[in-house]
C-alpha atoms as a PDB file:
ATOM      1  CA  MET A   1      92.101  86.776  88.872  1.00  0.00           C
ATOM      2  CA  SER A   2      94.379  89.806  88.855  1.00  0.00           C
ATOM      3  CA  GLY A   3      95.555  90.545  85.309  1.00  0.00           C
ATOM      4  CA  THR A   4      93.033  88.115  83.767  1.00  0.00           C
ATOM      5  CA  ASN A   5      91.977  88.629  80.115  1.00  0.00           C
ATOM      6  CA  LEU A   6      88.184  88.464  79.780  1.00  0.00           C
ATOM      7  CA  ASN A   7      87.958  90.839  76.807  1.00  0.00           C
ATOM      8  CA  GLY A   8      84.580  90.493  75.055  1.00  0.00           C
ATOM      9  CA  ALA A   9      83.221  87.860  77.467  1.00  0.00           C
ATOM     10  CA  ASP A  10      79.516  87.512  78.301  1.00  0.00           C
ATOM     11  CA  LEU A  11      79.453  87.772  82.093  1.00  0.00           C
ATOM     12  CA  ARG A  12      75.929  89.084  82.601  1.00  0.00           C
ATOM     13  CA  GLU A  13      74.653  88.525  86.150  1.00  0.00           C
ATOM     14  CA  ALA A  14      78.039  87.081  87.152  1.00  0.00           C
ATOM     15  CA  ILE A  15      79.001  87.307  90.814  1.00  0.00           C
ATOM     16  CA  PHE A  16      82.484  88.721  91.453  1.00  0.00           C
ATOM     17  CA  SER A  17      81.912  90.204  94.908  1.00  0.00           C
ATOM     18  CA  LYS A  18      85.186  90.871  96.748  1.00  0.00           C
ATOM     19  CA  ALA A  19      87.134  89.554  93.715  1.00  0.00           C
ATOM     20  CA  ASN A  20      90.602  90.823  92.836  1.00  0.00           C
ATOM     21  CA  LEU A  21      90.312  91.907  89.206  1.00  0.00           C
ATOM     22  CA  SER A  22      93.023  94.553  89.351  1.00  0.00           C
ATOM     23  CA  SER A  23      94.692  95.128  85.979  1.00  0.00           C
ATOM     24  CA  ALA A  24      92.241  92.662  84.360  1.00  0.00           C
ATOM     25  CA  ASP A  25      91.159  93.204  80.740  1.00  0.00           C
ATOM     26  CA  LEU A  26      87.360  93.393  80.766  1.00  0.00           C
ATOM     27  CA  SER A  27      87.063  95.614  77.678  1.00  0.00           C
ATOM     28  CA  ASN A  28      83.959  95.105  75.517  1.00  0.00           C
ATOM     29  CA  THR A  29      82.573  92.766  78.195  1.00  0.00           C
ATOM     30  CA  ASN A  30      78.882  92.219  78.978  1.00  0.00           C
ATOM     31  CA  LEU A  31      78.569  92.719  82.741  1.00  0.00           C
ATOM     32  CA  ILE A  32      74.852  93.602  82.807  1.00  0.00           C
ATOM     33  CA  ARG A  33      73.503  93.182  86.379  1.00  0.00           C
ATOM     34  CA  ALA A  34      76.820  91.686  87.531  1.00  0.00           C
ATOM     35  CA  LYS A  35      77.625  91.767  91.252  1.00  0.00           C
ATOM     36  CA  LEU A  36      81.032  93.359  91.821  1.00  0.00           C
ATOM     37  CA  ILE A  37      80.462  94.528  95.394  1.00  0.00           C
ATOM     38  CA  LYS A  38      83.736  95.413  97.171  1.00  0.00           C
ATOM     39  CA  SER A  39      85.754  94.096  94.202  1.00  0.00           C
ATOM     40  CA  ASN A  40      89.206  95.414  93.388  1.00  0.00           C
ATOM     41  CA  LEU A  41      89.157  96.660  89.784  1.00  0.00           C
ATOM     42  CA  SER A  42      92.023  99.119  90.138  1.00  0.00           C
ATOM     43  CA  LYS A  43      93.827  99.682  86.829  1.00  0.00           C
ATOM     44  CA  ALA A  44      91.335  97.340  85.107  1.00  0.00           C
ATOM     45  CA  LEU A  45      90.448  97.849  81.440  1.00  0.00           C
ATOM     46  CA  LEU A  46      86.663  98.170  81.135  1.00  0.00           C
ATOM     47  CA  SER A  47      86.422 100.376  78.046  1.00  0.00           C
ATOM     48  CA  ARG A  48      83.222  99.956  76.025  1.00  0.00           C
ATOM     49  CA  SER A  49      81.872  97.394  78.524  1.00  0.00           C
ATOM     50  CA  ASN A  50      78.190  97.205  79.449  1.00  0.00           C
ATOM     51  CA  LEU A  51      77.710  97.420  83.221  1.00  0.00           C
ATOM     52  CA  SER A  52      74.038  98.446  83.148  1.00  0.00           C
ATOM     53  CA  GLY A  53      72.332  97.562  86.413  1.00  0.00           C
ATOM     54  CA  ALA A  54      75.613  96.243  87.851  1.00  0.00           C
ATOM     55  CA  ASP A  55      76.289  96.518  91.580  1.00  0.00           C
ATOM     56  CA  LEU A  56      79.711  98.091  92.072  1.00  0.00           C
ATOM     57  CA  SER A  57      79.048  99.445  95.556  1.00  0.00           C
ATOM     58  CA  TYR A  58      82.261  99.845  97.555  1.00  0.00           C
ATOM     59  CA  ALA A  59      84.286  98.672  94.525  1.00  0.00           C
ATOM     60  CA  ILE A  60      87.803  99.986  93.943  1.00  0.00           C
ATOM     61  CA  LEU A  61      88.136 101.315  90.393  1.00  0.00           C
ATOM     62  CA  LYS A  62      91.104 103.600  91.015  1.00  0.00           C
ATOM     63  CA  ASP A  63      93.004 104.352  87.770  1.00  0.00           C
ATOM     64  CA  ALA A  64      90.590 102.069  85.838  1.00  0.00           C
ATOM     65  CA  ASP A  65      89.753 102.673  82.157  1.00  0.00           C
ATOM     66  CA  LEU A  66      85.998 102.861  81.581  1.00  0.00           C
ATOM     67  CA  PHE A  67      86.132 104.860  78.330  1.00  0.00           C
ATOM     68  CA  GLN A  68      82.655 104.857  76.714  1.00  0.00           C
ATOM     69  CA  SER A  69      81.357 102.200  79.102  1.00  0.00           C
ATOM     70  CA  ILE A  70      77.626 101.886  79.792  1.00  0.00           C
ATOM     71  CA  LEU A  71      76.661 102.091  83.474  1.00  0.00           C
ATOM     72  CA  ILE A  72      72.949 102.910  83.177  1.00  0.00           C
ATOM     73  CA  ASP A  73      71.153 102.268  86.497  1.00  0.00           C
ATOM     74  CA  ALA A  74      74.411 100.953  87.998  1.00  0.00           C
ATOM     75  CA  ASP A  75      75.028 101.156  91.752  1.00  0.00           C
ATOM     76  CA  LEU A  76      78.411 102.702  92.569  1.00  0.00           C
ATOM     77  CA  PHE A  77      77.639 103.727  96.153  1.00  0.00           C
ATOM     78  CA  CYS A  78      80.926 104.515  97.947  1.00  0.00           C
ATOM     79  CA  ALA A  79      82.974 103.327  94.946  1.00  0.00           C
ATOM     80  CA  ASP A  80      86.559 104.575  94.565  1.00  0.00           C
ATOM     81  CA  LEU A  81      87.033 105.926  91.027  1.00  0.00           C
ATOM     82  CA  ARG A  82      89.943 108.271  91.730  1.00  0.00           C
ATOM     83  CA  ASN A  83      91.932 109.122  88.603  1.00  0.00           C
ATOM     84  CA  ALA A  84      89.765 106.795  86.489  1.00  0.00           C
ATOM     85  CA  SER A  85      89.307 107.371  82.758  1.00  0.00           C
ATOM     86  CA  LEU A  86      85.535 107.741  82.268  1.00  0.00           C
ATOM     87  CA  SER A  87      85.402 109.878  79.138  1.00  0.00           C
ATOM     88  CA  GLY A  88      82.166 109.284  77.233  1.00  0.00           C
ATOM     89  CA  ALA A  89      80.823 106.858  79.864  1.00  0.00           C
ATOM     90  CA  ASN A  90      77.032 106.650  80.310  1.00  0.00           C
ATOM     91  CA  PHE A  91      75.961 106.800  83.978  1.00  0.00           C
ATOM     92  CA  TYR A  92      72.310 107.694  83.259  1.00  0.00           C
ATOM     93  CA  SER A  93      70.159 107.198  86.372  1.00  0.00           C
ATOM     94  CA  ALA A  94      73.045 105.658  88.342  1.00  0.00           C
ATOM     95  CA  ASN A  95      73.565 105.706  92.107  1.00  0.00           C
ATOM     96  CA  LEU A  96      76.891 107.497  92.561  1.00  0.00           C
ATOM     97  CA  SER A  97      76.294 108.768  96.086  1.00  0.00           C
ATOM     98  CA  ASP A  98      79.394 108.930  98.282  1.00  0.00           C
ATOM     99  CA  ALA A  99      81.580 107.788  95.350  1.00  0.00           C
ATOM    100  CA  ASP A 100      85.033 109.357  94.924  1.00  0.00           C
ATOM    101  CA  PHE A 101      85.806 110.639  91.394  1.00  0.00           C
ATOM    102  CA  SER A 102      88.686 112.910  92.466  1.00  0.00           C
ATOM    103  CA  GLY A 103      91.083 113.525  89.581  1.00  0.00           C
ATOM    104  CA  ALA A 104      88.944 111.441  87.201  1.00  0.00           C
ATOM    105  CA  ASP A 105      88.380 112.247  83.509  1.00  0.00           C
ATOM    106  CA  LEU A 106      84.616 112.473  82.915  1.00  0.00           C
ATOM    107  CA  THR A 107      84.716 114.548  79.729  1.00  0.00           C
ATOM    108  CA  PHE A 108      81.589 114.047  77.607  1.00  0.00           C
ATOM    109  CA  ALA A 109      80.169 111.611  80.189  1.00  0.00           C
ATOM    110  CA  ASN A 110      76.389 111.273  80.579  1.00  0.00           C
ATOM    111  CA  ILE A 111      75.651 111.528  84.308  1.00  0.00           C
ATOM    112  CA  SER A 112      72.120 112.858  83.915  1.00  0.00           C
ATOM    113  CA  ASP A 113      69.272 111.969  86.279  1.00  0.00           C
ATOM    114  CA  SER A 114      71.770 110.430  88.723  1.00  0.00           C
ATOM    115  CA  ASP A 115      72.243 110.502  92.503  1.00  0.00           C
ATOM    116  CA  LEU A 116      75.585 112.173  93.277  1.00  0.00           C
ATOM    117  CA  THR A 117      74.883 113.238  96.859  1.00  0.00           C
ATOM    118  CA  TYR A 118      78.065 113.504  98.939  1.00  0.00           C
ATOM    119  CA  ALA A 119      80.178 112.390  95.939  1.00  0.00           C
ATOM    120  CA  LYS A 120      83.718 113.774  95.554  1.00  0.00           C
ATOM    121  CA  PHE A 121      84.896 115.268  92.260  1.00  0.00           C
ATOM    122  CA  ILE A 122      87.907 117.176  93.605  1.00  0.00           C
ATOM    123  CA  GLY A 123      89.984 118.308  90.620  1.00  0.00           C
ATOM    124  CA  ALA A 124      87.954 116.095  88.244  1.00  0.00           C
ATOM    125  CA  ASN A 125      87.482 116.976  84.577  1.00  0.00           C
ATOM    126  CA  LEU A 126      83.742 117.174  83.829  1.00  0.00           C
ATOM    127  CA  SER A 127      84.015 119.397  80.771  1.00  0.00           C
ATOM    128  CA  ASP A 128      81.148 118.848  78.323  1.00  0.00           C
ATOM    129  CA  ALA A 129      79.575 116.308  80.728  1.00  0.00           C
ATOM    130  CA  ASP A 130      75.777 116.036  80.961  1.00  0.00           C
ATOM    131  CA  LEU A 131      74.665 116.336  84.596  1.00  0.00           C
ATOM    132  CA  ALA A 132      71.120 117.529  83.852  1.00  0.00           C
ATOM    133  CA  ASP A 133      68.468 116.623  86.437  1.00  0.00           C
ATOM    134  CA  SER A 134      71.085 115.119  88.786  1.00  0.00           C
ATOM    135  CA  ASN A 135      71.241 115.494  92.556  1.00  0.00           C
ATOM    136  CA  LEU A 136      74.675 116.857  93.510  1.00  0.00           C
ATOM    137  CA  SER A 137      73.661 118.153  96.929  1.00  0.00           C
ATOM    138  CA  ASP A 138      76.516 118.142  99.449  1.00  0.00           C
ATOM    139  CA  ALA A 139      78.959 116.961  96.749  1.00  0.00           C
ATOM    140  CA  ASP A 140      82.545 118.260  96.607  1.00  0.00           C
ATOM    141  CA  LEU A 141      83.446 119.672  93.181  1.00  0.00           C
ATOM    142  CA  SER A 142      86.229 121.931  94.430  1.00  0.00           C
ATOM    143  CA  GLY A 143      88.719 122.652  91.680  1.00  0.00           C
ATOM    144  CA  ALA A 144      86.679 120.646  89.157  1.00  0.00           C
ATOM    145  CA  ASN A 145      86.532 121.572  85.465  1.00  0.00           C
ATOM    146  CA  LEU A 146      82.855 121.961  84.502  1.00  0.00           C
ATOM    147  CA  CYS A 147      83.422 123.951  81.298  1.00  0.00           C
ATOM    148  CA  ASN A 148      80.415 123.587  78.981  1.00  0.00           C
ATOM    149  CA  ALA A 149      78.838 121.026  81.329  1.00  0.00           C
ATOM    150  CA  ASN A 150      75.048 120.703  81.332  1.00  0.00           C
ATOM    151  CA  LEU A 151      73.770 121.320  84.875  1.00  0.00           C
ATOM    152  CA  THR A 152      70.199 122.133  83.817  1.00  0.00           C
ATOM    153  CA  ARG A 153      67.709 121.485  86.655  1.00  0.00           C
ATOM    154  CA  SER A 154      70.439 119.910  88.816  1.00  0.00           C
ATOM    155  CA  ASN A 155      70.408 120.225  92.583  1.00  0.00           C
ATOM    156  CA  LEU A 156      73.721 121.745  93.701  1.00  0.00           C
ATOM    157  CA  SER A 157      72.496 122.721  97.170  1.00  0.00           C
ATOM    158  CA  TYR A 158      75.321 122.863  99.728  1.00  0.00           C
ATOM    159  CA  THR A 159      77.775 121.684  97.072  1.00  0.00           C
ATOM    160  CA  ASN A 160      81.409 122.782  97.321  1.00  0.00           C
ATOM    161  CA  LEU A 161      82.212 124.493  94.016  1.00  0.00           C
ATOM    162  CA  SER A 162      85.147 126.532  95.297  1.00  0.00           C
ATOM    163  CA  ARG A 163      87.737 127.151  92.556  1.00  0.00           C
ATOM    164  CA  ALA A 164      85.582 125.155  90.088  1.00  0.00           C
ATOM    165  CA  ASN A 165      85.514 126.304  86.456  1.00  0.00           C
ATOM    166  CA  LEU A 166      81.915 126.656  85.200  1.00  0.00           C
ATOM    167  CA  THR A 167      82.777 128.651  82.057  1.00  0.00           C
ATOM    168  CA  GLY A 168      80.060 128.062  79.459  1.00  0.00           C
ATOM    169  CA  ALA A 169      78.123 125.671  81.725  1.00  0.00           C
ATOM    170  CA  LEU A 170      74.352 125.453  81.301  1.00  0.00           C
ATOM    171  CA  ILE A 171      72.768 126.197  84.690  1.00  0.00           C
ATOM    172  CA  LYS A 172      69.135 126.932  83.776  1.00  0.00           C
ATOM    173  CA  LYS A 173      66.859 126.100  86.739  1.00  0.00           C
ATOM    174  CA  ALA A 174      69.799 124.618  88.711  1.00  0.00           C
ATOM    175  CA  LYS A 175      69.598 125.027  92.502  1.00  0.00           C
ATOM    176  CA  PHE A 176      72.619 126.540  94.244  1.00  0.00           C
ATOM    177  CA  ASP A 177      71.142 127.077  97.747  1.00  0.00           C
ATOM    178  CA  GLY A 178      73.993 127.165 100.271  1.00  0.00           C
ATOM    179  CA  ALA A 179      76.613 126.240  97.638  1.00  0.00           C
ATOM    180  CA  GLN A 180      80.220 127.278  98.267  1.00  0.00           C
ATOM    181  CA  LEU A 181      81.358 129.307  95.256  1.00  0.00           C
ATOM    182  CA  ALA A 182      84.518 131.058  96.528  1.00  0.00           C
ATOM    183  CA  GLY A 183      86.950 131.493  93.647  1.00  0.00           C
ATOM    184  CA  ALA A 184      84.660 129.682  91.184  1.00  0.00           C
ATOM    185  CA  THR A 185      84.646 130.846  87.571  1.00  0.00           C
ATOM    186  CA  MET A 186      80.995 131.340  86.660  1.00  0.00           C
ATOM    187  CA  PRO A 187      79.417 130.490  83.256  1.00  0.00           C
ATOM    188  CA  ASP A 188      79.893 134.080  82.026  1.00  0.00           C
ATOM    189  CA  GLY A 189      83.613 133.954  82.903  1.00  0.00           C
ATOM    190  CA  SER A 190      83.372 136.099  86.039  1.00  0.00           C
ATOM    191  CA  VAL A 191      85.047 134.891  89.229  1.00  0.00           C
ATOM    192  CA  HIS A 192      82.848 134.593  92.332  1.00  0.00           C
ATOM    193  CA  HIS A 193      84.342 136.211  95.431  1.00  0.00           C
END
């Protein structure tokens, strides 16, 4: 199914576990509650698709395009989203624990009220992203761009924020217990030493 064109298809509750959908066009597709466990979706086009409640645990979404996709309550446990385009995506209340978003574009993404424990965002762009009320404990955000991000009431305990840019970020009531902040640019523009 690699390279398949399913643009605009209604695939709600479809089962694609372990499927090879690399480079497939799934833009504007209804994938509500679909099972895509361990599927290969690298370089797939999923922009403006609805993946609410979908199970993408262990899926490979490296270099995929999920621009403005809806992933509310989706399960992306251990998913590989390195270098993915996720600008404007809605991950509200999603399970993103142990997922790898290194180098990904998450500008203006809604990741609020989500589980991001042990997730990797190394060098990711999270500028203007909404991470309010999310659990980012033990996550790796080293070198990430968090300019103007909303981290209100988020748990950043034991998170690696070394060299991260938090300029203009909202951090009201956020927890930073044990966080690594070496070289991080704080919301007021000062650099933490």
